[in-house]
Protein backbone atom coordinates (compact mmCIF):
# COMPACT_ATOMS: atom_id res chain seq x y z
CA GLU A 1 70.60 140.54 101.88
CA CYS A 2 69.75 143.51 104.03
CA SER A 3 72.96 145.42 103.39
CA ARG A 4 72.59 148.00 106.00
CA LEU A 5 72.31 146.15 109.21
CA THR A 6 74.47 146.03 111.27
CA SER A 7 73.97 144.07 114.61
CA VAL A 8 70.89 141.43 115.35
CA VAL A 9 69.77 140.91 118.88
CA MET A 10 67.60 137.52 119.44
CA PRO A 11 65.24 137.27 122.35
CA ASP A 12 65.59 134.03 124.51
CA GLY A 13 61.80 132.57 122.64
CA VAL A 14 64.17 131.85 119.60
CA THR A 15 65.43 128.05 119.02
CA SER A 16 65.73 128.15 115.01
CA ILE A 17 67.86 130.17 112.52
CA GLY A 18 66.98 129.02 108.98
CA LYS A 19 69.44 127.85 106.17
CA TYR A 20 71.15 131.55 104.47
CA ALA A 21 68.43 133.63 107.64
CA PHE A 22 71.29 136.44 107.13
CA GLY A 23 73.54 135.40 104.20
CA GLY A 24 74.28 138.68 102.59
CA CYS A 25 74.06 140.84 105.49
CA SER A 26 77.49 143.11 104.44
CA ARG A 27 77.64 145.07 107.20
CA LEU A 28 76.88 142.34 110.22
CA THR A 29 79.34 142.94 112.95
CA SER A 30 77.87 140.97 115.62
CA ILE A 31 75.43 139.06 116.64
CA ALA A 32 73.99 137.54 120.23
CA ILE A 33 73.05 134.21 120.29
CA PRO A 34 70.22 133.08 122.98
CA ASP A 35 71.37 130.01 125.36
CA ASN A 36 68.39 127.88 123.65
CA MET A 37 69.41 128.28 120.43
CA ALA A 38 68.83 124.42 119.23
CA ASN A 39 69.75 124.97 115.30
CA ILE A 40 71.29 127.14 113.15
CA GLY A 41 71.08 126.93 109.63
CA ASP A 42 74.18 125.58 106.05
CA ILE A 43 75.36 128.98 105.86
CA ALA A 44 72.84 130.76 107.64
CA PHE A 45 75.63 134.23 108.17
CA TYR A 46 76.41 133.55 104.23
CA LEU A 47 78.95 137.26 102.55
CA CYS A 48 79.15 138.10 106.34
CA SER A 49 82.70 139.79 106.06
CA ARG A 50 82.14 142.34 108.30
CA LEU A 51 81.25 139.80 111.30
CA THR A 52 83.26 140.72 114.16
CA SER A 53 81.62 138.97 116.64
CA ILE A 54 79.33 136.23 117.71
CA ASN A 55 78.05 135.38 121.01
CA VAL A 56 77.68 131.76 121.06
CA ASP A 57 76.28 129.91 125.14
CA GLU A 58 78.21 126.27 124.16
CA ASN A 59 76.11 124.64 125.81
CA ASN A 60 74.63 125.98 121.66
CA ALA A 61 76.08 124.58 118.48
CA LYS A 62 79.63 123.02 118.92
CA TYR A 63 80.36 124.38 114.99
CA LEU A 64 80.78 127.61 113.20
CA SER A 65 81.40 127.58 109.32
CA ILE A 66 83.52 129.05 107.13
CA ASP A 67 80.48 131.81 106.59
CA GLY A 68 79.90 131.99 109.98
CA ALA A 69 76.90 130.05 110.40
CA LEU A 70 76.53 127.30 113.48
CA TYR A 71 75.19 124.06 113.28
CA ASP A 72 73.58 121.26 115.35
CA LYS A 73 73.92 121.31 118.42
CA ASN A 74 74.56 117.66 118.46
CA ALA A 75 77.57 118.39 116.87
CA SER A 76 80.87 117.69 117.38
CA THR A 77 83.54 119.07 115.09
CA LEU A 78 84.56 122.73 114.90
CA ILE A 79 84.44 122.61 111.51
CA LYS A 80 84.68 126.29 109.95
CA CYS A 81 84.67 130.15 110.55
CA PRO A 82 83.53 133.59 109.29
CA GLU A 83 86.72 135.39 107.65
CA ASP A 84 88.75 138.52 109.02
CA ILE A 85 87.82 137.56 112.57
CA PRO A 86 91.13 138.27 114.23
CA SER A 87 89.78 136.50 117.19
CA ILE A 88 88.21 133.77 118.52
CA THR A 89 87.22 131.65 121.53
CA ILE A 90 85.98 127.37 120.81
CA PRO A 91 83.99 126.75 123.51
CA ASN A 92 84.22 123.95 125.66
CA SER A 93 81.86 122.21 123.98
CA VAL A 94 84.21 121.33 121.23
CA THR A 95 85.93 118.14 121.35
CA SER A 96 87.91 118.35 117.83
CA ILE A 97 88.73 120.60 115.23
CA GLY A 98 87.88 119.16 111.61
CA ASP A 99 89.46 120.13 108.72
CA GLU A 100 90.99 123.75 107.24
CA SER A 101 88.36 124.90 110.27
CA LEU A 102 90.78 128.16 110.32
CA SER A 103 92.68 128.49 107.55
CA ARG A 104 92.54 131.47 105.14
CA LEU A 105 91.73 133.39 108.61
CA ASN A 106 93.07 136.39 109.00
CA LEU A 107 93.08 135.23 113.15
CA THR A 108 95.59 137.54 115.27
CA SER A 109 94.95 135.01 118.52
CA ILE A 110 93.06 131.58 119.09
CA THR A 111 91.85 130.12 122.54
CA ILE A 112 91.73 126.11 121.92
CA PRO A 113 90.10 124.66 125.55
CA ASN A 114 90.77 121.11 126.42
CA SER A 115 88.16 119.52 126.17
CA VAL A 116 89.81 119.19 122.73
CA ILE A 117 91.27 116.14 121.35
CA ASN A 118 92.18 116.80 118.18
CA ILE A 119 93.33 119.35 115.40
CA GLY A 120 92.66 118.98 112.00
CA ASP A 121 94.24 119.82 108.73
CA ARG A 122 95.16 123.07 107.54
CA GLU A 123 94.63 123.83 111.40
CA LEU A 124 96.08 127.56 112.33
CA SER A 125 96.52 127.58 116.04
CA ILE A 126 98.97 129.54 118.76
CA THR A 127 98.43 127.82 121.49
CA ILE A 128 98.05 123.96 122.26
CA PRO A 129 96.21 122.76 124.88
CA ASN A 130 97.75 119.56 126.09
CA SER A 131 94.64 117.31 125.44
CA VAL A 132 95.42 117.66 122.11
CA THR A 133 96.84 113.41 121.14
CA SER A 134 96.94 113.88 117.39
CA LEU A 135 98.40 116.74 114.50
CA GLY A 136 96.39 116.09 111.61
CA ASN A 137 97.47 116.49 107.88
CA GLY A 138 98.85 119.49 106.45
CA ALA A 139 97.69 120.65 109.95
CA PHE A 140 99.78 123.68 109.92
CA ASP A 141 100.58 123.47 106.46
CA ASN A 142 102.55 126.85 104.80
CA CYS A 143 101.60 129.02 107.66
CA SER A 144 104.25 131.45 106.82
CA TYR A 145 103.84 134.24 110.19
CA LEU A 146 104.65 130.54 112.56
CA THR A 147 107.96 131.33 113.89
CA SER A 148 108.24 128.72 116.91
CA ILE A 149 106.04 126.13 118.70
CA THR A 150 106.47 124.00 121.64
CA LEU A 151 103.78 120.24 120.99
CA PRO A 152 102.64 119.22 124.60
CA ASN A 153 103.15 116.19 125.84
CA SER A 154 99.95 114.50 124.90
CA VAL A 155 100.71 114.74 121.83
CA THR A 156 102.20 110.93 119.69
CA THR A 157 101.61 111.68 115.77
CA ILE A 158 102.78 114.28 113.57
CA GLY A 159 101.37 113.78 110.47
CA ASN A 160 102.33 114.23 106.47
CA GLU A 161 103.06 118.04 105.65
CA THR A 162 101.78 118.81 109.14
CA PHE A 163 104.52 121.68 109.03
CA ALA A 164 105.16 121.69 105.49
CA GLY A 165 106.15 125.05 103.80
CA CYS A 166 106.39 126.85 107.55
CA SER A 167 108.95 129.61 106.03
CA GLY A 168 109.44 131.19 108.84
CA LEU A 169 109.45 128.34 111.54
CA THR A 170 112.69 128.96 113.00
CA SER A 171 112.12 126.72 116.14
CA ILE A 172 110.06 123.68 117.47
CA THR A 173 110.51 121.09 120.58
CA ILE A 174 108.95 117.49 119.86
CA PRO A 175 107.82 115.71 122.73
CA ASN A 176 109.41 112.70 123.39
CA SER A 177 105.54 111.41 123.66
CA VAL A 178 105.68 111.49 120.10
CA THR A 179 106.09 108.15 117.89
CA SER A 180 105.37 108.59 114.88
CA ILE A 181 107.04 112.03 111.99
CA GLY A 182 104.94 111.51 108.58
CA ILE A 183 106.02 112.39 105.31
CA GLU A 184 107.10 115.91 104.27
CA ALA A 185 105.83 116.69 107.79
CA PHE A 186 108.36 119.55 108.15
CA SER A 187 109.44 119.63 103.92
CA CYS A 188 110.80 123.59 103.73
CA CYS A 189 111.00 124.61 106.97
CA ARG A 190 114.09 126.50 105.53
CA ARG A 191 114.36 128.86 108.92
CA LEU A 192 114.97 125.21 111.10
CA THR A 193 118.13 125.30 112.85
CA SER A 194 118.27 122.29 114.49
CA ILE A 195 116.05 119.40 115.29
CA THR A 196 116.14 116.74 117.47
CA ILE A 197 113.94 113.20 116.92
CA PRO A 198 112.78 111.63 120.40
CA GLY A 199 112.99 108.35 121.41
CA GLY A 200 109.54 107.40 121.19
CA VAL A 201 110.38 108.12 117.12
CA THR A 202 110.56 105.09 115.28
CA SER A 203 110.38 105.96 111.80
CA ILE A 204 110.94 108.97 109.95
CA GLY A 205 108.81 109.89 107.63
CA MET A 206 109.18 110.45 103.45
CA GLU A 207 111.05 113.58 103.09
CA ALA A 208 110.29 114.62 106.52
CA PHE A 209 113.03 117.23 106.68
CA SER A 210 113.52 117.62 102.94
CA TRP A 211 114.64 121.08 101.71
CA CYS A 212 115.16 122.55 105.64
CA SER A 213 118.00 124.57 103.89
CA GLY A 214 118.72 126.00 107.22
CA LEU A 215 119.07 123.10 109.32
CA THR A 216 122.58 122.41 110.55
CA SER A 217 122.48 119.96 112.78
CA ILE A 218 119.71 117.08 114.04
CA THR A 219 120.31 114.66 117.12
CA ILE A 220 118.28 111.59 116.31
CA SER A 221 118.06 109.71 119.38
CA LYS A 222 118.25 106.20 119.62
CA GLY A 223 114.63 104.37 119.74
CA VAL A 224 114.60 105.20 115.43
CA THR A 225 114.51 102.53 113.62
CA LYS A 226 114.14 104.15 110.38
CA ILE A 227 114.70 106.90 108.00
CA GLY A 228 112.29 107.69 105.19
CA ILE A 229 113.65 107.97 101.53
CA ASN A 230 114.70 111.61 100.71
CA ALA A 231 114.01 112.33 104.66
CA PHE A 232 116.54 115.26 104.60
CA TRP A 233 117.04 115.44 101.43
CA GLY A 234 118.83 118.88 99.88
CA CYS A 235 119.14 120.27 103.72
CA SER A 236 121.90 121.51 102.40
CA SER A 237 123.43 123.51 105.45
CA LEU A 238 123.79 120.27 107.49
CA THR A 239 127.15 120.55 108.97
CA SER A 240 126.75 117.29 111.71
CA VAL A 241 124.41 114.71 111.70
CA THR A 242 124.52 110.97 114.83
CA ILE A 243 123.40 107.58 113.28
CA PRO A 244 122.05 106.25 116.40
CA ASN A 245 122.42 102.59 116.34
CA SER A 246 119.40 101.53 117.08
CA VAL A 247 119.12 102.40 112.98
CA THR A 248 118.22 99.47 110.86
CA SER A 249 117.20 101.31 107.28
CA ILE A 250 118.54 104.55 106.37
CA GLY A 251 116.43 105.10 102.91
CA LYS A 252 117.34 106.03 99.22
CA GLY A 253 118.34 109.38 99.22
CA ALA A 254 118.44 109.44 102.52
CA PHE A 255 120.89 112.90 102.70
CA SER A 256 121.30 113.37 98.74
CA ALA A 257 121.98 117.36 98.56
CA CYS A 258 123.20 117.67 102.66
CA PHE A 259 126.53 119.77 100.89
CA GLY A 260 127.97 120.98 104.24
CA LEU A 261 127.78 117.29 105.27
CA THR A 262 132.07 116.89 106.04
CA SER A 263 131.71 113.50 108.74
CA ILE A 264 129.18 110.42 108.62
CA THR A 265 129.78 107.42 110.92
CA ILE A 266 126.96 104.52 109.90
CA PRO A 267 127.10 102.34 112.67
CA ASN A 268 127.17 98.88 112.75
CA SER A 269 122.77 98.34 112.94
CA VAL A 270 122.93 99.29 109.64
CA THR A 271 121.74 96.38 106.93
CA SER A 272 120.20 98.91 104.36
CA ILE A 273 121.38 101.60 102.52
CA GLY A 274 118.89 102.68 99.60
CA ASP A 275 120.24 104.15 96.45
CA TYR A 276 121.90 107.84 96.33
CA ALA A 277 121.52 107.99 100.21
CA PHE A 278 124.97 110.82 100.20
CA TRP A 279 124.91 111.51 96.93
CA GLY A 280 126.35 114.56 96.77
CA CYS A 281 127.40 115.29 99.60
CA SER A 282 130.62 117.35 98.13
CA ARG A 283 132.73 118.28 101.42
CA MET A 284 132.48 114.61 102.82
CA ARG A 285 135.38 113.64 104.20
CA GLU A 286 135.30 111.26 106.70
CA ILE A 287 132.77 107.52 106.39
CA HIS A 288 132.69 105.31 108.86
CA ILE A 289 130.69 102.51 108.01
CA GLY A 290 129.79 99.01 110.44
CA TYR A 291 130.68 95.41 108.54
CA LYS A 292 126.93 94.90 108.57
CA SER A 293 126.51 97.48 106.00
CA VAL A 294 129.59 97.00 104.07
CA SER A 295 127.65 93.81 102.48
CA GLY A 296 125.60 94.41 99.47
CA MET A 297 125.47 97.98 99.22
CA ASN A 298 125.50 99.73 95.89
CA PRO A 299 128.72 102.26 95.33
CA SER A 300 125.32 105.29 93.91
CA VAL A 301 125.04 105.98 97.69
CA PHE A 302 128.39 108.15 97.79
CA GLU A 303 128.08 108.68 94.21
CA ASN A 304 129.06 112.88 93.47
CA VAL A 305 131.39 112.57 96.98
CA ASP A 306 135.06 113.14 96.37
CA THR A 307 136.23 110.72 96.69
CA SER A 308 139.80 111.51 96.39
CA VAL A 309 140.14 113.80 99.18
CA CYS A 310 137.07 111.54 101.27
CA VAL A 311 138.50 109.15 103.72
CA LEU A 312 136.22 105.81 104.29
CA TYR A 313 136.65 104.27 106.92
CA VAL A 314 135.67 100.03 106.60
CA PRO A 315 136.31 96.62 108.52
CA SER A 316 136.64 94.77 104.81
CA ILE A 317 137.73 96.59 101.77
CA ALA A 318 135.63 95.54 99.21
CA ASP A 319 135.41 96.05 95.32
CA GLY A 320 132.50 98.17 95.54
CA TRP A 321 134.73 100.61 97.60
CA ARG A 322 137.96 100.84 95.53
CA SER A 323 137.04 104.90 93.29
CA PHE A 324 137.11 105.89 97.15
CA LYS A 325 141.26 106.69 97.20
CA ASN A 326 141.34 106.71 100.87
CA ILE A 327 140.54 103.37 101.98
CA VAL A 328 141.08 102.77 106.32
CA GLU A 329 140.31 99.02 107.86
CA GLU A 330 139.39 99.66 111.04
């Protein structure tokens, strides 16, 4: 609690800093850590709210705490960072960035080295190196300032809620390397206008793109077999979507409240369509359904579709479709 202390320079002989050592030094703005530092105690720089720079040799500590403490050099994860630091360069010794590592910070730039192979939950980032293979649950959750991001070809997994609530996100390129898109991965990305699901993805998670109200077009590549429950619920601006013949299952409510959708073709490969899958698609004017899709389908799939004007194209007319005034066998 040396409240007037503004800077600290330690000699090379110092190898350890104890817990809370500089806690409450509210005017401390910079500190240089010697090369031979072996250990820095938990929250050693607790409440050092003005700390803007920490010079760390990459052979020292492996990670930072939220209050600026550097931990045991044998650790392998960057856990936390001091608040209000405008920029940070992560040393090459770090291999993993942990949960909420840089959340709630006012960062304007960050450099992540190629040594990093994992970015954990709720991580703020500008540049993702091509060494990253997985984006953890909530990695960019509610990053409202994020407008665009390109994922490297090394990424294979987009976790649950990874980009949920990124209300400023207007574009994102999902590389072909991605095989899994988690639950609510892009939920409430309201400025996202188009999306392409690559062929490597086999399953689109539950509510993965729900309430993406600015989404106008979706390209689902051949290879996707399952569209999850409520996957595109509330995509009210969606006017175009092509379901490839690799898809076998469309989940309950998958395209519910897609008010702008005017036509849909459900391929022969689909054997299961969940209840209310196209509920409320009030502007739907043309529906094409393959043979296998007809059997066992609940009429609620198209509940609140205007059946008086929408034309239904089916291979055979079943009793369940009598609500449609215009049915064409094809």
